[in-house]
Amino acid sequence: MITFLSVFPPYRGGIARFSDFLFRALSKDKEIKAYNFKALYPEFLFPGSTQYENEPSNKYSNRVVHSFNPFSWGQTGSELAKEKPESLIISYWHPFFIFAYAHILKKVRKNSPDTKIIVVAHNIIPHEKFPFSKNLMKWFFKKTDLVVTLSEQTSSELSSLNADIENLKLFHPIYESDLPLMSELDLREKYGFDRDDNIVLFFGIIREYKGLDILIDALNKLALEDEKIKPLIVGEFYDDKNKYVNSINPEHKSQYTIIDRFVSAEESAELFSISDLLVLPYKSASQSGVLADALNFNLPCLVADHAGLTEHIEQGKDGLVFESENSSELSSKISGFFSNKSQQEIIKSNIRTKKDELSWEEFSNRLVKYLTT
């Protein structure tokens, strides 16, 4: 039996979604039990409007983990160890959770010493500074049997801790979501776009490291109306929205569509389906669930040259790459993409071949192979 400790729906965000998909993939062949959080972040530390989905799910109702109540951590560890699982999988993404996780693992080790402890690490180095993060991570990861990383970038960062930690490098699987029922033309009309608009999509929570300012600067260098380029910005602003809006060329503002909120899976599928190009102008990156979504919808991607983004992209073949924070090169790549229809078709065709290689089935099979050896 596997126990899986993570954030799941009804919490929203990339880690919860990843955990949901992984749970479903593993449950096809293994007995697995999910343990969710009952308290994730203190409200005063959370920058968004809500930590929860618009349509709460009761699927992962076994909510036991309170991240900032130390008196609950030992009890949580005892509950996880109660059934003596063969393996305990833990999702890790930020040093904030290390103290809770470490106390939980201590209890599991005591009550179920044969349980393998596997951490799926979405990030190693946090995007924002956190006190003593390197020492905390080294201390925590050494308490585990294996750290699973999802990209070359996170594997390299794990190695930089200079600790004897076993690492299994896998990948971020492609999210296998259904296509919308409406036609692309009808969807474009629904969101206010024309058939021949060239829609450039930026998608996801807007934080400093995501580089939206780089994209806006690149778009400011183009004649958007002449090239029929329509930027589509989708995501809740965790950063100052005004600084981004005010940086847009005043002549371009009518070309922009900004959806400043969290969108449902159904709506995001529609937005990916109508878009022509996804741009990930990140200033730093471990890997990207947004990229995984785009590949599912055969949407060409233009990404900054971070190892966590470019690992599965070959320049000009199944995607495009630009030098990180180089808005001039980004501008040129956007314009060049829309002027080269044959390249667009080549990229879309080659994306389709990646789906088996980066599937959830392949990911879970490789993880289970480790768990059973």
Protein backbone atom coordinates (compact mmCIF):
# COMPACT_ATOMS: atom_id res chain seq x y z
CA MET A 1 0.00 0.00 0.00
CA ILE A 2 1.11 3.56 -0.76
CA THR A 3 0.19 6.59 1.30
CA PHE A 4 0.40 9.96 -0.43
CA LEU A 5 0.75 13.12 1.65
CA SER A 6 0.20 16.25 -0.40
CA VAL A 7 -2.01 19.20 -1.10
CA PHE A 8 -5.01 18.05 -3.18
CA PRO A 9 -8.26 19.66 -4.31
CA PRO A 10 -10.26 21.51 -3.01
CA TYR A 11 -7.00 23.49 -2.75
CA ARG A 12 -6.16 25.08 -6.06
CA GLY A 13 -2.88 25.51 -7.87
CA GLY A 14 -0.30 23.49 -9.72
CA ILE A 15 0.82 21.21 -6.86
CA ALA A 16 -2.75 20.18 -6.00
CA ARG A 17 -3.49 19.49 -9.65
CA PHE A 18 -0.28 17.50 -10.14
CA SER A 19 -1.07 15.43 -7.04
CA ASP A 20 -4.58 14.71 -8.27
CA PHE A 21 -3.28 13.42 -11.61
CA LEU A 22 -0.52 11.38 -9.96
CA PHE A 23 -2.95 9.82 -7.48
CA ARG A 24 -5.24 8.74 -10.31
CA ALA A 25 -2.33 7.32 -12.33
CA LEU A 26 -0.94 5.32 -9.40
CA SER A 27 -4.36 4.04 -8.31
CA LYS A 28 -4.77 2.14 -11.59
CA ASP A 29 -2.27 -0.49 -10.42
CA LYS A 30 -1.63 0.12 -6.72
CA GLU A 31 -3.62 0.51 -3.53
CA ILE A 32 -3.09 4.11 -2.51
CA LYS A 33 -4.51 6.39 0.18
CA ALA A 34 -4.39 10.19 0.01
CA TYR A 35 -3.80 12.48 2.99
CA ASN A 36 -4.68 16.12 2.34
CA PHE A 37 -4.06 19.36 4.22
CA LYS A 38 -6.70 20.78 6.52
CA ALA A 39 -4.74 24.04 6.78
CA LEU A 40 -2.17 25.03 4.18
CA TYR A 41 -1.08 28.68 4.53
CA PRO A 42 -2.07 31.19 7.20
CA GLU A 43 -4.46 33.60 5.51
CA PHE A 44 -2.25 36.62 6.26
CA LEU A 45 0.62 35.03 4.31
CA PHE A 46 -1.48 34.09 1.28
CA PRO A 47 -1.39 36.80 -1.44
CA GLY A 48 -4.37 35.58 -3.49
CA SER A 49 -8.12 35.91 -3.05
CA THR A 50 -8.66 32.33 -1.89
CA GLN A 51 -6.73 29.08 -1.45
CA TYR A 52 -9.65 27.01 -2.72
CA GLU A 53 -11.19 26.06 -6.05
CA ASN A 54 -14.41 27.73 -7.17
CA GLU A 55 -16.13 24.34 -7.14
CA PRO A 56 -14.91 22.53 -3.99
CA SER A 57 -14.21 18.81 -4.32
CA ASN A 58 -14.92 16.22 -1.64
CA LYS A 59 -12.75 13.59 -3.34
CA TYR A 60 -9.72 14.15 -1.07
CA SER A 61 -11.64 14.57 2.16
CA ASN A 62 -9.05 12.87 4.41
CA ARG A 63 -7.68 16.23 5.54
CA VAL A 64 -5.22 15.71 8.40
CA VAL A 65 -2.19 17.98 7.92
CA HIS A 66 -2.06 21.37 9.60
CA SER A 67 1.10 23.03 8.32
CA PHE A 68 1.44 25.65 11.05
CA ASN A 69 0.09 23.86 14.14
CA PRO A 70 3.04 21.94 15.68
CA PHE A 71 0.77 20.14 18.15
CA SER A 72 -0.89 18.30 15.25
CA TRP A 73 2.25 17.06 13.50
CA GLY A 74 2.95 14.04 15.71
CA GLN A 75 -0.69 12.95 15.51
CA THR A 76 -0.56 13.21 11.71
CA GLY A 77 2.58 11.07 11.59
CA SER A 78 0.96 8.41 13.76
CA GLU A 79 -2.07 8.30 11.50
CA LEU A 80 0.06 7.95 8.36
CA ALA A 81 2.05 5.09 9.93
CA LYS A 82 -1.02 3.29 11.29
CA GLU A 83 -1.45 0.99 8.28
CA LYS A 84 2.30 0.32 7.91
CA PRO A 85 2.44 1.42 4.25
CA GLU A 86 5.13 0.09 1.95
CA SER A 87 5.80 3.63 0.78
CA LEU A 88 4.96 7.18 1.79
CA ILE A 89 5.07 9.77 -0.99
CA ILE A 90 5.31 13.41 0.05
CA SER A 91 4.95 16.46 -2.20
CA TYR A 92 7.52 19.15 -1.46
CA TRP A 93 7.60 22.63 -2.97
CA HIS A 94 8.65 25.16 -0.30
CA PRO A 95 10.82 25.27 2.87
CA PHE A 96 7.82 26.63 4.82
CA PHE A 97 6.56 23.04 5.14
CA ILE A 98 9.82 21.42 6.22
CA PHE A 99 9.25 21.57 9.99
CA ALA A 100 5.82 19.95 9.70
CA TYR A 101 7.09 17.29 7.30
CA ALA A 102 10.16 16.50 9.40
CA HIS A 103 8.10 15.93 12.55
CA ILE A 104 5.64 13.78 10.62
CA LEU A 105 8.48 11.67 9.18
CA LYS A 106 10.00 11.21 12.62
CA LYS A 107 6.75 9.65 13.81
CA VAL A 108 6.42 7.49 10.70
CA ARG A 109 9.99 6.20 11.07
CA LYS A 110 9.30 5.29 14.69
CA ASN A 111 5.97 3.51 14.12
CA SER A 112 6.60 2.04 10.65
CA PRO A 113 10.37 1.71 10.16
CA ASP A 114 10.10 -0.33 6.94
CA THR A 115 8.14 2.35 5.09
CA LYS A 116 10.05 3.90 2.18
CA ILE A 117 9.95 7.71 2.27
CA ILE A 118 9.82 9.29 -1.20
CA VAL A 119 9.67 13.04 -1.77
CA VAL A 120 8.41 14.42 -5.08
CA ALA A 121 10.21 17.77 -5.23
CA HIS A 122 8.51 20.37 -7.42
CA ASN A 123 11.06 23.00 -6.46
CA ILE A 124 14.40 22.86 -4.69
CA ILE A 125 15.53 26.47 -4.60
CA PRO A 126 12.47 28.61 -3.68
CA HIS A 127 11.51 31.38 -6.11
CA GLU A 128 11.49 33.91 -3.26
CA LYS A 129 14.14 34.07 -0.54
CA PHE A 130 13.48 32.01 2.59
CA PRO A 131 15.72 32.07 5.69
CA PHE A 132 18.23 29.18 5.95
CA SER A 133 16.51 27.37 3.09
CA LYS A 134 19.59 25.45 1.92
CA ASN A 135 20.39 24.08 5.38
CA LEU A 136 16.75 23.25 6.01
CA MET A 137 16.42 21.34 2.75
CA LYS A 138 19.62 19.40 3.32
CA TRP A 139 18.42 18.46 6.82
CA PHE A 140 15.00 17.39 5.54
CA PHE A 141 15.98 15.51 2.39
CA LYS A 142 18.54 13.43 4.29
CA LYS A 143 15.62 12.02 6.31
CA THR A 144 14.15 10.49 3.13
CA ASP A 145 14.98 7.43 1.03
CA LEU A 146 14.55 9.10 -2.35
CA VAL A 147 13.93 12.53 -3.84
CA VAL A 148 12.12 12.52 -7.18
CA THR A 149 12.83 15.57 -9.32
CA LEU A 150 10.87 16.66 -12.38
CA SER A 151 13.56 18.31 -14.49
CA GLU A 152 17.29 18.63 -15.07
CA GLN A 153 17.09 22.00 -13.31
CA THR A 154 15.73 20.60 -10.04
CA SER A 155 18.17 17.67 -10.16
CA SER A 156 21.05 20.11 -10.49
CA GLU A 157 19.74 22.21 -7.62
CA LEU A 158 19.42 19.10 -5.45
CA SER A 159 23.04 18.20 -6.22
CA SER A 160 24.10 21.72 -5.23
CA LEU A 161 23.07 20.97 -1.64
CA ASN A 162 26.19 18.77 -1.42
CA ALA A 163 24.41 16.07 0.55
CA ASP A 164 24.26 12.31 0.05
CA ILE A 165 20.68 12.19 -1.27
CA GLU A 166 19.39 9.55 -3.68
CA ASN A 167 17.72 11.17 -6.67
CA LEU A 168 15.40 9.79 -9.35
CA LYS A 169 14.99 12.31 -12.17
CA LEU A 170 11.69 11.93 -13.97
CA PHE A 171 9.75 14.67 -15.78
CA HIS A 172 6.61 16.77 -15.56
CA PRO A 173 3.94 14.75 -17.39
CA ILE A 174 1.59 16.32 -19.90
CA TYR A 175 -1.84 17.02 -18.45
CA GLU A 176 -4.32 14.87 -20.32
CA SER A 177 -7.39 17.11 -20.41
CA ASP A 178 -10.38 16.86 -22.73
CA LEU A 179 -10.79 19.30 -25.59
CA PRO A 180 -13.68 21.77 -25.33
CA LEU A 181 -16.96 20.77 -26.98
CA MET A 182 -17.34 24.14 -28.75
CA SER A 183 -15.46 24.79 -31.99
CA GLU A 184 -12.43 27.08 -31.93
CA LEU A 185 -14.28 29.65 -34.00
CA ASP A 186 -17.20 29.73 -31.55
CA LEU A 187 -14.82 29.93 -28.62
CA ARG A 188 -12.97 32.83 -30.19
CA GLU A 189 -16.26 34.64 -30.59
CA LYS A 190 -17.12 33.86 -26.95
CA TYR A 191 -13.92 35.55 -25.73
CA GLY A 192 -14.05 38.46 -28.19
CA PHE A 193 -11.45 37.36 -30.75
CA ASP A 194 -11.63 37.17 -34.54
CA ARG A 195 -10.78 34.17 -36.70
CA ASP A 196 -7.52 35.69 -37.97
CA ASP A 197 -6.24 37.11 -34.65
CA ASN A 198 -2.81 35.85 -33.58
CA ILE A 199 -3.39 35.16 -29.89
CA VAL A 200 -0.32 35.22 -27.61
CA LEU A 201 -1.12 33.58 -24.30
CA PHE A 202 0.46 34.23 -20.89
CA PHE A 203 -1.13 31.91 -18.35
CA GLY A 204 -0.78 31.38 -14.61
CA ILE A 205 -0.49 33.18 -11.29
CA ILE A 206 1.37 36.44 -11.91
CA ARG A 207 4.44 36.80 -9.74
CA GLU A 208 7.70 38.65 -10.32
CA TYR A 209 9.70 35.62 -11.42
CA LYS A 210 7.14 34.72 -14.12
CA GLY A 211 8.47 37.59 -16.28
CA LEU A 212 5.24 39.15 -17.53
CA ASP A 213 7.11 42.46 -17.63
CA ILE A 214 9.56 40.91 -20.11
CA LEU A 215 6.70 39.84 -22.37
CA ILE A 216 5.03 43.25 -22.24
CA ASP A 217 8.33 44.94 -23.07
CA ALA A 218 8.75 42.60 -26.05
CA LEU A 219 5.23 43.27 -27.28
CA ASN A 220 5.77 47.03 -26.94
CA LYS A 221 8.41 46.71 -29.68
CA LEU A 222 5.91 45.24 -32.17
CA ALA A 223 3.15 46.75 -34.30
CA LEU A 224 0.47 44.60 -32.71
CA GLU A 225 -2.44 45.87 -34.76
CA ASP A 226 -0.61 45.49 -38.07
CA GLU A 227 0.50 41.94 -37.19
CA LYS A 228 -2.96 41.10 -35.76
CA ILE A 229 -1.31 40.07 -32.46
CA LYS A 230 -3.68 39.94 -29.51
CA PRO A 231 -2.04 39.34 -26.11
CA LEU A 232 -4.18 37.26 -23.72
CA ILE A 233 -3.06 37.52 -20.08
CA VAL A 234 -4.77 35.00 -17.79
CA GLY A 235 -4.09 34.69 -14.08
CA GLU A 236 -4.57 36.21 -10.66
CA PHE A 237 -2.07 38.96 -9.86
CA TYR A 238 0.01 38.15 -6.77
CA ASP A 239 2.13 41.15 -7.76
CA ASP A 240 1.13 44.79 -8.32
CA LYS A 241 -1.21 44.71 -11.32
CA ASN A 242 -0.86 48.43 -12.01
CA LYS A 243 2.86 48.25 -12.68
CA TYR A 244 2.20 45.77 -15.50
CA VAL A 245 -0.81 47.56 -16.98
CA ASN A 246 0.95 50.92 -16.85
CA SER A 247 3.96 49.49 -18.73
CA ILE A 248 1.84 48.56 -21.76
CA ASN A 249 2.26 50.88 -24.74
CA PRO A 250 -0.89 53.08 -24.59
CA GLU A 251 -1.49 52.42 -28.29
CA HIS A 252 -1.57 48.67 -27.58
CA LYS A 253 -3.95 48.57 -24.63
CA SER A 254 -7.01 47.91 -26.78
CA GLN A 255 -5.26 44.82 -28.19
CA TYR A 256 -4.90 43.21 -24.75
CA THR A 257 -7.35 40.91 -23.00
CA ILE A 258 -6.61 40.49 -19.28
CA ILE A 259 -8.49 37.90 -17.22
CA ASP A 260 -7.39 38.77 -13.70
CA ARG A 261 -8.60 35.74 -11.73
CA PHE A 262 -8.20 32.05 -11.22
CA VAL A 263 -9.91 30.12 -14.04
CA SER A 264 -11.48 26.67 -13.90
CA ALA A 265 -10.07 23.65 -15.74
CA GLU A 266 -12.91 23.90 -18.26
CA GLU A 267 -12.23 27.56 -18.97
CA SER A 268 -8.49 27.07 -19.17
CA ALA A 269 -9.04 24.33 -21.78
CA GLU A 270 -11.00 26.82 -23.85
CA LEU A 271 -8.30 29.49 -23.56
CA PHE A 272 -5.50 27.09 -24.52
CA SER A 273 -7.58 25.87 -27.46
CA ILE A 274 -8.09 29.34 -28.99
CA SER A 275 -4.50 30.51 -28.50
CA ASP A 276 -1.79 30.39 -31.17
CA LEU A 277 1.33 30.71 -29.04
CA LEU A 278 2.08 30.30 -25.33
CA VAL A 279 4.93 32.44 -24.02
CA LEU A 280 6.75 31.51 -20.80
CA PRO A 281 9.11 34.46 -20.20
CA TYR A 282 10.15 33.20 -16.74
CA LYS A 283 13.17 34.73 -15.03
CA SER A 284 13.69 31.43 -13.18
CA ALA A 285 12.01 28.05 -13.53
CA SER A 286 12.10 24.54 -12.12
CA GLN A 287 9.59 23.14 -14.59
CA SER A 288 6.13 24.22 -15.68
CA GLY A 289 2.66 22.75 -15.39
CA VAL A 290 1.50 25.46 -17.80
CA LEU A 291 3.89 24.06 -20.42
CA ALA A 292 2.46 20.59 -19.76
CA ASP A 293 -1.03 21.95 -20.39
CA ALA A 294 -0.01 23.63 -23.62
CA LEU A 295 1.50 20.44 -25.03
CA ASN A 296 -1.76 18.61 -24.30
CA PHE A 297 -3.59 21.08 -26.55
CA ASN A 298 -0.86 20.99 -29.24
CA LEU A 299 -0.16 24.66 -28.54
CA PRO A 300 3.29 25.86 -29.67
CA CYS A 301 5.41 27.34 -26.86
CA LEU A 302 8.07 30.03 -26.75
CA VAL A 303 10.07 29.71 -23.52
CA ALA A 304 12.99 31.34 -21.76
CA ASP A 305 16.20 29.30 -21.88
CA HIS A 306 16.04 27.74 -18.40
CA ALA A 307 16.82 24.03 -18.20
CA GLY A 308 13.53 23.39 -16.43
CA LEU A 309 11.65 24.69 -19.49
CA THR A 310 13.85 23.69 -22.44
CA GLU A 311 14.60 20.08 -21.47
CA HIS A 312 11.87 18.71 -23.72
CA ILE A 313 11.91 21.43 -26.37
CA GLU A 314 14.11 21.34 -29.46
CA GLN A 315 14.47 24.80 -30.99
CA GLY A 316 12.36 25.16 -34.11
CA LYS A 317 11.25 21.53 -34.07
CA ASP A 318 8.67 21.28 -31.30
CA GLY A 319 8.93 24.73 -29.74
CA LEU A 320 10.91 27.95 -29.60
CA VAL A 321 13.48 29.25 -27.10
CA PHE A 322 14.78 32.76 -26.37
CA GLU A 323 17.48 34.12 -24.09
CA SER A 324 16.00 34.76 -20.64
CA GLU A 325 15.12 38.43 -19.98
CA ASN A 326 16.11 39.41 -23.52
CA SER A 327 12.94 41.20 -24.60
CA SER A 328 14.37 42.14 -28.01
CA GLU A 329 14.99 38.51 -28.92
CA LEU A 330 11.59 37.55 -27.55
CA SER A 331 9.98 40.24 -29.69
CA SER A 332 11.76 38.93 -32.78
CA LYS A 333 10.77 35.31 -32.03
CA ILE A 334 7.08 36.23 -31.61
CA SER A 335 7.00 38.16 -34.88
CA GLY A 336 8.95 35.46 -36.71
CA PHE A 337 6.62 32.72 -35.49
CA PHE A 338 3.52 34.39 -36.90
CA SER A 339 5.19 35.14 -40.23
CA ASN A 340 6.19 31.49 -40.77
CA LYS A 341 3.09 29.32 -41.20
CA SER A 342 5.06 26.22 -42.22
CA GLN A 343 7.08 26.32 -38.98
CA GLN A 344 3.86 26.59 -37.00
CA GLU A 345 2.57 23.37 -38.57
CA ILE A 346 5.87 21.55 -38.07
CA ILE A 347 5.89 22.45 -34.37
CA LYS A 348 2.27 21.37 -33.87
CA SER A 349 2.91 18.07 -35.63
CA ASN A 350 6.01 17.29 -33.55
CA ILE A 351 4.27 18.17 -30.27
CA ARG A 352 1.86 15.29 -30.84
CA THR A 353 4.70 12.74 -30.69
CA LYS A 354 5.64 13.85 -27.15
CA LYS A 355 2.43 12.73 -25.51
CA ASP A 356 3.38 9.09 -25.01
CA GLU A 357 6.92 9.96 -23.96
CA LEU A 358 5.68 12.40 -21.27
CA SER A 359 2.49 10.61 -20.20
CA TRP A 360 1.25 10.08 -16.66
CA GLU A 361 1.28 6.33 -17.30
CA GLU A 362 4.99 6.42 -18.12
CA PHE A 363 5.68 8.60 -15.07
CA SER A 364 3.78 6.34 -12.64
CA ASN A 365 5.31 3.15 -14.13
CA ARG A 366 8.82 4.44 -13.55
CA LEU A 367 7.97 5.57 -10.02
CA VAL A 368 6.29 2.25 -9.13
CA LYS A 369 9.32 0.37 -10.50
CA TYR A 370 11.41 2.08 -7.82
CA LEU A 371 8.83 1.49 -5.10
CA THR A 372 8.72 -2.26 -5.76
CA THR A 373 12.48 -2.88 -5.87
